[in-house]
N, C-alpha and C. Protein backbone atom coordinates (compact mmCIF):
# COMPACT_ATOMS: atom_id res chain seq x y z
N MET A 1 120.90 -54.50 39.94
CA MET A 1 119.86 -55.62 39.56
C MET A 1 118.88 -55.27 40.52
N LYS A 2 117.65 -55.07 40.52
CA LYS A 2 116.52 -54.91 41.23
C LYS A 2 115.75 -55.98 41.42
N ARG A 3 115.12 -56.20 42.26
CA ARG A 3 114.27 -57.62 42.42
C ARG A 3 112.96 -56.95 43.60
N THR A 4 112.24 -57.79 43.01
CA THR A 4 110.74 -57.15 43.90
C THR A 4 111.27 -58.14 44.89
N ILE A 5 110.43 -57.93 46.23
CA ILE A 5 110.40 -58.88 47.31
C ILE A 5 108.56 -58.61 47.49
N THR A 6 108.20 -60.25 47.84
CA THR A 6 106.96 -59.87 48.15
C THR A 6 106.68 -61.00 49.49
N THR A 7 105.69 -61.02 49.95
CA THR A 7 105.38 -62.29 50.97
C THR A 7 104.08 -62.61 50.56
N TYR A 8 104.40 -64.05 50.99
CA TYR A 8 103.02 -64.77 50.69
C TYR A 8 102.10 -65.57 52.23
N GLY A 9 100.98 -65.06 51.65
CA GLY A 9 100.61 -66.12 53.16
C GLY A 9 100.60 -65.39 54.77
N GLY A 10 101.12 -64.52 54.73
CA GLY A 10 101.20 -64.05 56.07
C GLY A 10 102.54 -64.66 57.04
N TYR A 11 103.22 -65.67 56.67
CA TYR A 11 103.62 -66.11 57.55
C TYR A 11 104.94 -65.63 58.07
N PHE A 12 105.71 -64.48 57.19
CA PHE A 12 106.82 -63.97 57.08
C PHE A 12 106.93 -62.62 58.16
N GLU A 13 105.46 -62.40 58.15
CA GLU A 13 105.05 -61.10 58.99
C GLU A 13 104.63 -61.65 60.24
N LEU A 14 104.12 -63.13 60.70
CA LEU A 14 104.23 -63.25 61.66
C LEU A 14 105.12 -63.89 62.70
N PHE A 15 106.78 -64.39 61.19
CA PHE A 15 107.93 -64.18 61.92
C PHE A 15 108.42 -63.18 62.74
N ILE A 16 108.34 -61.94 61.79
CA ILE A 16 109.11 -60.77 62.01
C ILE A 16 108.46 -60.04 63.44
N GLU A 17 107.46 -60.50 63.53
CA GLU A 17 106.58 -60.18 65.10
C GLU A 17 107.19 -60.52 66.33
N THR A 18 108.56 -61.60 66.03
CA THR A 18 108.94 -62.18 67.14
C THR A 18 110.23 -61.91 67.28
N LEU A 19 110.69 -60.95 66.34
CA LEU A 19 111.95 -60.45 66.37
C LEU A 19 112.01 -58.76 67.58
N LEU A 20 113.46 -58.89 67.79
CA LEU A 20 113.81 -57.30 68.27
C LEU A 20 113.89 -56.20 67.39
N PRO A 21 113.83 -55.27 67.52
CA PRO A 21 114.40 -54.19 66.90
C PRO A 21 115.62 -53.95 66.33
N LYS A 22 116.75 -54.69 67.01
CA LYS A 22 118.16 -54.44 66.08
C LYS A 22 118.02 -55.76 65.48
N GLU A 23 117.34 -57.03 65.50
CA GLU A 23 117.49 -58.00 65.08
C GLU A 23 116.37 -57.96 63.26
N LEU A 24 115.89 -56.71 63.12
CA LEU A 24 114.92 -56.41 62.50
C LEU A 24 115.46 -55.68 61.40
N ASN A 25 116.18 -54.77 61.71
CA ASN A 25 117.54 -54.21 61.37
C ASN A 25 118.59 -54.52 60.65
N LYS A 26 118.83 -56.04 61.45
CA LYS A 26 119.83 -56.97 60.79
C LYS A 26 119.18 -57.57 59.20
N LEU A 27 117.85 -58.15 59.51
CA LEU A 27 117.24 -58.68 58.59
C LEU A 27 116.93 -57.75 57.49
N ASP A 28 116.72 -56.72 57.61
CA ASP A 28 116.26 -55.67 56.50
C ASP A 28 117.63 -55.64 55.61
N SER A 29 118.67 -55.47 56.42
CA SER A 29 120.03 -55.23 55.57
C SER A 29 120.20 -56.54 54.69
N ILE A 30 120.32 -57.57 55.19
CA ILE A 30 119.96 -59.51 54.56
C ILE A 30 119.14 -58.81 53.12
N ILE A 31 118.35 -58.55 53.56
CA ILE A 31 116.81 -58.48 52.63
C ILE A 31 117.17 -57.53 51.35
N SER A 32 117.87 -56.50 51.89
CA SER A 32 118.32 -56.12 50.58
C SER A 32 119.36 -56.19 49.93
N LEU A 33 120.51 -57.17 50.35
CA LEU A 33 121.22 -57.81 49.45
C LEU A 33 120.58 -58.61 48.50
N LEU A 34 119.09 -59.05 48.73
CA LEU A 34 118.40 -59.89 47.71
C LEU A 34 117.68 -58.67 47.04
N GLU A 35 117.39 -58.00 47.01
CA GLU A 35 116.72 -56.81 46.37
C GLU A 35 117.63 -56.59 45.14
N THR A 36 119.13 -56.02 45.78
CA THR A 36 119.85 -55.33 44.90
C THR A 36 121.17 -55.94 44.56
N GLU A 37 121.75 -57.11 44.82
CA GLU A 37 122.76 -57.76 44.44
C GLU A 37 122.91 -58.91 43.40
N ASP A 38 123.13 -58.86 42.30
CA ASP A 38 123.56 -60.41 41.61
C ASP A 38 123.99 -61.30 42.06
N ARG A 39 124.67 -61.30 42.81
CA ARG A 39 125.41 -62.59 43.40
C ARG A 39 125.35 -61.90 45.00
N ILE A 40 125.13 -63.03 46.33
CA ILE A 40 124.75 -62.96 47.54
C ILE A 40 125.46 -64.04 47.89
N PRO A 41 126.85 -63.69 49.09
CA PRO A 41 127.90 -64.31 49.83
C PRO A 41 126.81 -65.32 50.35
N ALA A 42 127.69 -66.77 50.03
CA ALA A 42 127.39 -68.05 50.59
C ALA A 42 126.53 -67.92 51.93
N LYS A 43 127.52 -67.13 52.89
CA LYS A 43 126.85 -67.09 54.12
C LYS A 43 125.49 -66.71 54.70
N PHE A 44 125.09 -65.78 53.77
CA PHE A 44 123.95 -65.84 53.36
C PHE A 44 122.24 -66.15 53.14
N ILE A 45 122.98 -67.18 52.16
CA ILE A 45 121.74 -67.84 51.32
C ILE A 45 122.30 -69.10 51.05
N LYS A 46 121.41 -70.28 51.00
CA LYS A 46 121.62 -71.49 51.02
C LYS A 46 120.63 -72.21 50.13
N TYR A 47 120.59 -72.89 49.05
CA TYR A 47 119.59 -73.29 48.22
C TYR A 47 119.24 -74.93 48.69
N ILE A 48 118.31 -74.96 49.55
CA ILE A 48 117.77 -75.89 49.88
C ILE A 48 117.00 -77.27 48.92
N ARG A 49 116.31 -77.30 48.47
CA ARG A 49 115.86 -77.96 47.07
C ARG A 49 114.62 -77.65 46.65
N ASP A 50 114.05 -78.02 45.29
CA ASP A 50 112.88 -77.86 44.79
C ASP A 50 112.39 -76.46 44.63
N GLY A 51 113.58 -75.56 44.42
CA GLY A 51 113.49 -74.32 44.37
C GLY A 51 113.25 -73.24 45.68
N LEU A 52 113.43 -73.56 46.56
CA LEU A 52 113.57 -72.74 47.94
C LEU A 52 114.83 -72.93 48.62
N TYR A 53 115.18 -71.55 48.73
CA TYR A 53 115.95 -71.04 49.55
C TYR A 53 116.16 -70.75 50.71
N GLU A 54 117.10 -70.71 51.82
CA GLU A 54 117.12 -70.28 53.09
C GLU A 54 118.09 -68.90 53.08
N LEU A 55 117.38 -68.20 53.75
CA LEU A 55 118.28 -66.82 54.02
C LEU A 55 118.34 -67.09 55.06
N ARG A 56 119.60 -66.77 55.63
CA ARG A 56 120.84 -66.91 56.63
C ARG A 56 121.00 -65.49 57.34
N MET A 57 120.74 -65.67 58.98
CA MET A 57 121.08 -64.32 59.58
C MET A 57 121.75 -64.77 61.20
N GLU A 58 122.82 -64.51 61.85
CA GLU A 58 122.91 -64.67 62.96
C GLU A 58 122.87 -63.32 63.78
N TYR A 59 122.58 -63.26 65.15
CA TYR A 59 122.48 -61.85 65.50
C TYR A 59 122.39 -62.24 67.02
N ASN A 60 123.57 -61.75 67.56
CA ASN A 60 123.83 -61.77 69.06
C ASN A 60 123.56 -63.21 69.41
N GLY A 61 124.20 -64.27 68.98
CA GLY A 61 124.36 -65.86 69.26
C GLY A 61 123.22 -66.40 68.97
N ASN A 62 122.09 -65.94 68.30
CA ASN A 62 120.97 -66.67 67.73
C ASN A 62 121.02 -66.88 66.46
N ILE A 63 120.98 -67.79 65.51
CA ILE A 63 120.45 -68.03 64.62
C ILE A 63 119.08 -68.32 63.84
N TYR A 64 118.82 -67.58 62.78
CA TYR A 64 117.72 -67.34 61.90
C TYR A 64 117.58 -67.49 60.82
N ARG A 65 116.43 -68.33 60.45
CA ARG A 65 116.53 -68.25 59.04
C ARG A 65 114.94 -68.25 58.40
N LEU A 66 115.43 -67.92 57.00
CA LEU A 66 114.08 -67.25 56.26
C LEU A 66 113.89 -67.88 55.06
N PHE A 67 112.68 -68.87 54.59
CA PHE A 67 113.00 -69.44 53.23
C PHE A 67 111.80 -68.20 52.74
N PHE A 68 112.49 -68.61 50.98
CA PHE A 68 112.39 -67.78 50.37
C PHE A 68 112.65 -68.70 48.37
N ILE A 69 111.91 -67.88 47.66
CA ILE A 69 111.65 -68.58 46.33
C ILE A 69 111.82 -67.64 45.26
N PHE A 70 112.73 -67.52 44.34
CA PHE A 70 113.00 -67.02 43.24
C PHE A 70 110.98 -67.44 42.08
N ASP A 71 110.58 -65.90 41.61
CA ASP A 71 109.87 -66.17 40.89
C ASP A 71 109.78 -65.17 39.62
N GLU A 72 109.70 -65.87 38.68
CA GLU A 72 110.06 -65.01 37.28
C GLU A 72 111.81 -64.18 36.96
N GLY A 73 112.62 -64.72 37.50
CA GLY A 73 113.59 -64.26 37.64
C GLY A 73 113.72 -63.14 38.68
N ASN A 74 112.98 -62.35 38.96
CA ASN A 74 113.46 -61.34 39.82
C ASN A 74 112.46 -60.95 41.20
N ILE A 75 111.47 -61.66 41.31
CA ILE A 75 110.38 -61.43 42.35
C ILE A 75 111.11 -61.98 43.23
N VAL A 76 111.21 -62.28 44.68
CA VAL A 76 111.61 -63.16 45.61
C VAL A 76 110.59 -62.68 46.64
N VAL A 77 109.79 -64.18 46.64
CA VAL A 77 108.61 -64.33 47.46
C VAL A 77 108.92 -64.65 49.04
N LEU A 78 109.12 -63.98 50.04
CA LEU A 78 109.20 -64.82 51.27
C LEU A 78 108.43 -65.46 51.73
N LEU A 79 108.66 -66.59 52.44
CA LEU A 79 107.73 -67.71 52.70
C LEU A 79 107.78 -67.32 54.47
N ASN A 80 107.81 -68.58 55.44
CA ASN A 80 108.20 -68.77 56.53
C ASN A 80 109.64 -68.64 56.99
N GLY A 81 109.47 -68.02 58.29
CA GLY A 81 110.84 -68.19 59.41
C GLY A 81 110.85 -68.76 60.37
N LEU A 82 112.36 -68.97 61.17
CA LEU A 82 112.26 -69.48 62.34
C LEU A 82 113.87 -69.09 62.83
N GLN A 83 113.74 -69.41 64.31
CA GLN A 83 115.01 -69.21 65.11
C GLN A 83 115.33 -70.62 65.05
N LYS A 84 116.79 -70.56 65.12
CA LYS A 84 117.67 -72.38 64.78
C LYS A 84 117.63 -72.50 66.13
N LYS A 85 117.42 -74.05 66.83
CA LYS A 85 117.67 -74.28 68.19
C LYS A 85 118.23 -75.38 67.89
N THR A 86 118.47 -75.80 66.36
CA THR A 86 119.40 -77.16 66.54
C THR A 86 120.51 -76.85 65.69
N GLN A 87 121.51 -77.35 65.05
CA GLN A 87 122.51 -77.70 64.18
C GLN A 87 122.29 -77.39 62.64
N LYS A 88 120.83 -78.50 62.62
CA LYS A 88 120.41 -78.63 61.30
C LYS A 88 118.92 -77.89 61.14
N THR A 89 118.61 -77.52 60.15
CA THR A 89 117.43 -76.72 60.10
C THR A 89 116.21 -77.88 60.06
N PRO A 90 115.62 -77.63 61.18
CA PRO A 90 114.52 -78.89 61.33
C PRO A 90 113.70 -79.30 59.86
N GLN A 91 113.66 -80.80 59.41
CA GLN A 91 112.99 -81.07 58.67
C GLN A 91 111.67 -81.02 58.07
N SER A 92 110.69 -80.57 59.61
CA SER A 92 109.41 -80.21 59.44
C SER A 92 109.31 -78.79 58.94
N GLU A 93 110.13 -77.56 59.14
CA GLU A 93 110.52 -76.03 58.45
C GLU A 93 110.15 -76.50 57.17
N ILE A 94 111.50 -77.12 56.78
CA ILE A 94 111.49 -77.10 55.06
C ILE A 94 110.18 -77.10 54.35
N ASP A 95 109.57 -78.42 55.23
CA ASP A 95 108.59 -79.46 54.57
C ASP A 95 107.36 -78.00 54.72
N LYS A 96 106.99 -77.27 55.52
CA LYS A 96 106.42 -76.44 55.68
C LYS A 96 106.75 -75.63 54.70
N ALA A 97 107.86 -74.81 54.62
CA ALA A 97 108.41 -73.84 53.19
C ALA A 97 107.67 -74.46 51.94
N LEU A 98 108.18 -75.87 51.81
CA LEU A 98 107.60 -76.70 50.05
C LEU A 98 105.83 -76.08 49.95
N LYS A 99 105.21 -76.69 51.35
CA LYS A 99 104.07 -76.44 51.23
C LYS A 99 103.44 -75.11 51.09
N ILE A 100 103.82 -74.29 51.42
CA ILE A 100 103.23 -72.56 51.30
C ILE A 100 104.16 -72.82 50.09
N LYS A 101 105.03 -72.84 49.60
CA LYS A 101 105.41 -72.30 47.89
C LYS A 101 104.69 -73.33 46.94
N GLU A 102 103.93 -74.39 47.03
CA GLU A 102 103.30 -75.05 46.27
C GLU A 102 101.87 -73.91 46.64
N ALA A 103 101.34 -73.62 47.43
CA ALA A 103 100.33 -72.69 47.73
C ALA A 103 100.19 -71.77 46.57
N TYR A 104 101.37 -71.08 47.24
CA TYR A 104 101.81 -69.69 46.40
C TYR A 104 101.55 -69.97 44.52
N TYR A 105 102.22 -71.14 44.26
CA TYR A 105 101.93 -71.54 42.68
C TYR A 105 100.35 -71.83 42.64
N ALA A 106 99.70 -72.20 43.36
CA ALA A 106 98.03 -72.90 42.73
C ALA A 106 97.44 -71.53 42.84
N ASP A 107 97.84 -70.89 43.89
CA ASP A 107 97.10 -69.31 43.83
C ASP A 107 97.36 -68.34 42.89
N LYS A 108 98.59 -68.01 42.16
CA LYS A 108 99.08 -67.74 40.95
C LYS A 108 98.31 -68.70 39.70
N ARG A 109 98.30 -69.57 39.77
CA ARG A 109 97.73 -70.07 38.49
C ARG A 109 96.34 -69.97 38.06
N SER A 110 95.46 -70.12 39.39
CA SER A 110 94.20 -69.46 39.32
C SER A 110 93.88 -68.19 39.15
N GLN A 111 94.66 -67.18 39.91
CA GLN A 111 94.60 -66.05 39.33
C GLN A 111 94.86 -65.62 37.60
N ASN A 112 95.56 -66.24 37.24
CA ASN A 112 96.39 -66.31 35.83
C ASN A 112 94.86 -66.75 34.67
N LYS A 113 94.38 -67.57 35.29
CA LYS A 113 93.23 -68.30 34.91
C LYS A 113 92.09 -66.86 34.52
N LYS A 114 92.25 -66.73 35.71
CA LYS A 114 90.61 -65.63 36.21
C LYS A 114 90.76 -64.34 34.97
N LEU A 115 92.41 -64.27 34.77
CA LEU A 115 92.71 -63.01 33.81
C LEU A 115 92.54 -63.59 32.21
N GLN A 116 92.43 -64.74 32.05
CA GLN A 116 92.45 -65.19 30.57
C GLN A 116 90.80 -65.21 29.90
């Protein structure tokens, strides 16, 4: 399987600017799983709610989360990310990701109307 990976809103790009080169390499390898694998190990991915997923990464004792959605089956849209400092993913970060998701679909709907 080959999925297309896209980003939305520049949030992912802002997140990766905070990462070190070795952290970026690890993130790239995990994202490549999203691109190519039908079934991704549970240690790397978790369903949050309302179509929102969390990509999980640990590197050098630090824990990172990256939110994403599936769109039309094979396109994965990367949203915002964070370095976790607590046991649970902060609700405010989940809420932010859900708002970004809604904005993504609103933009997509408006683009589809323009094409008709």
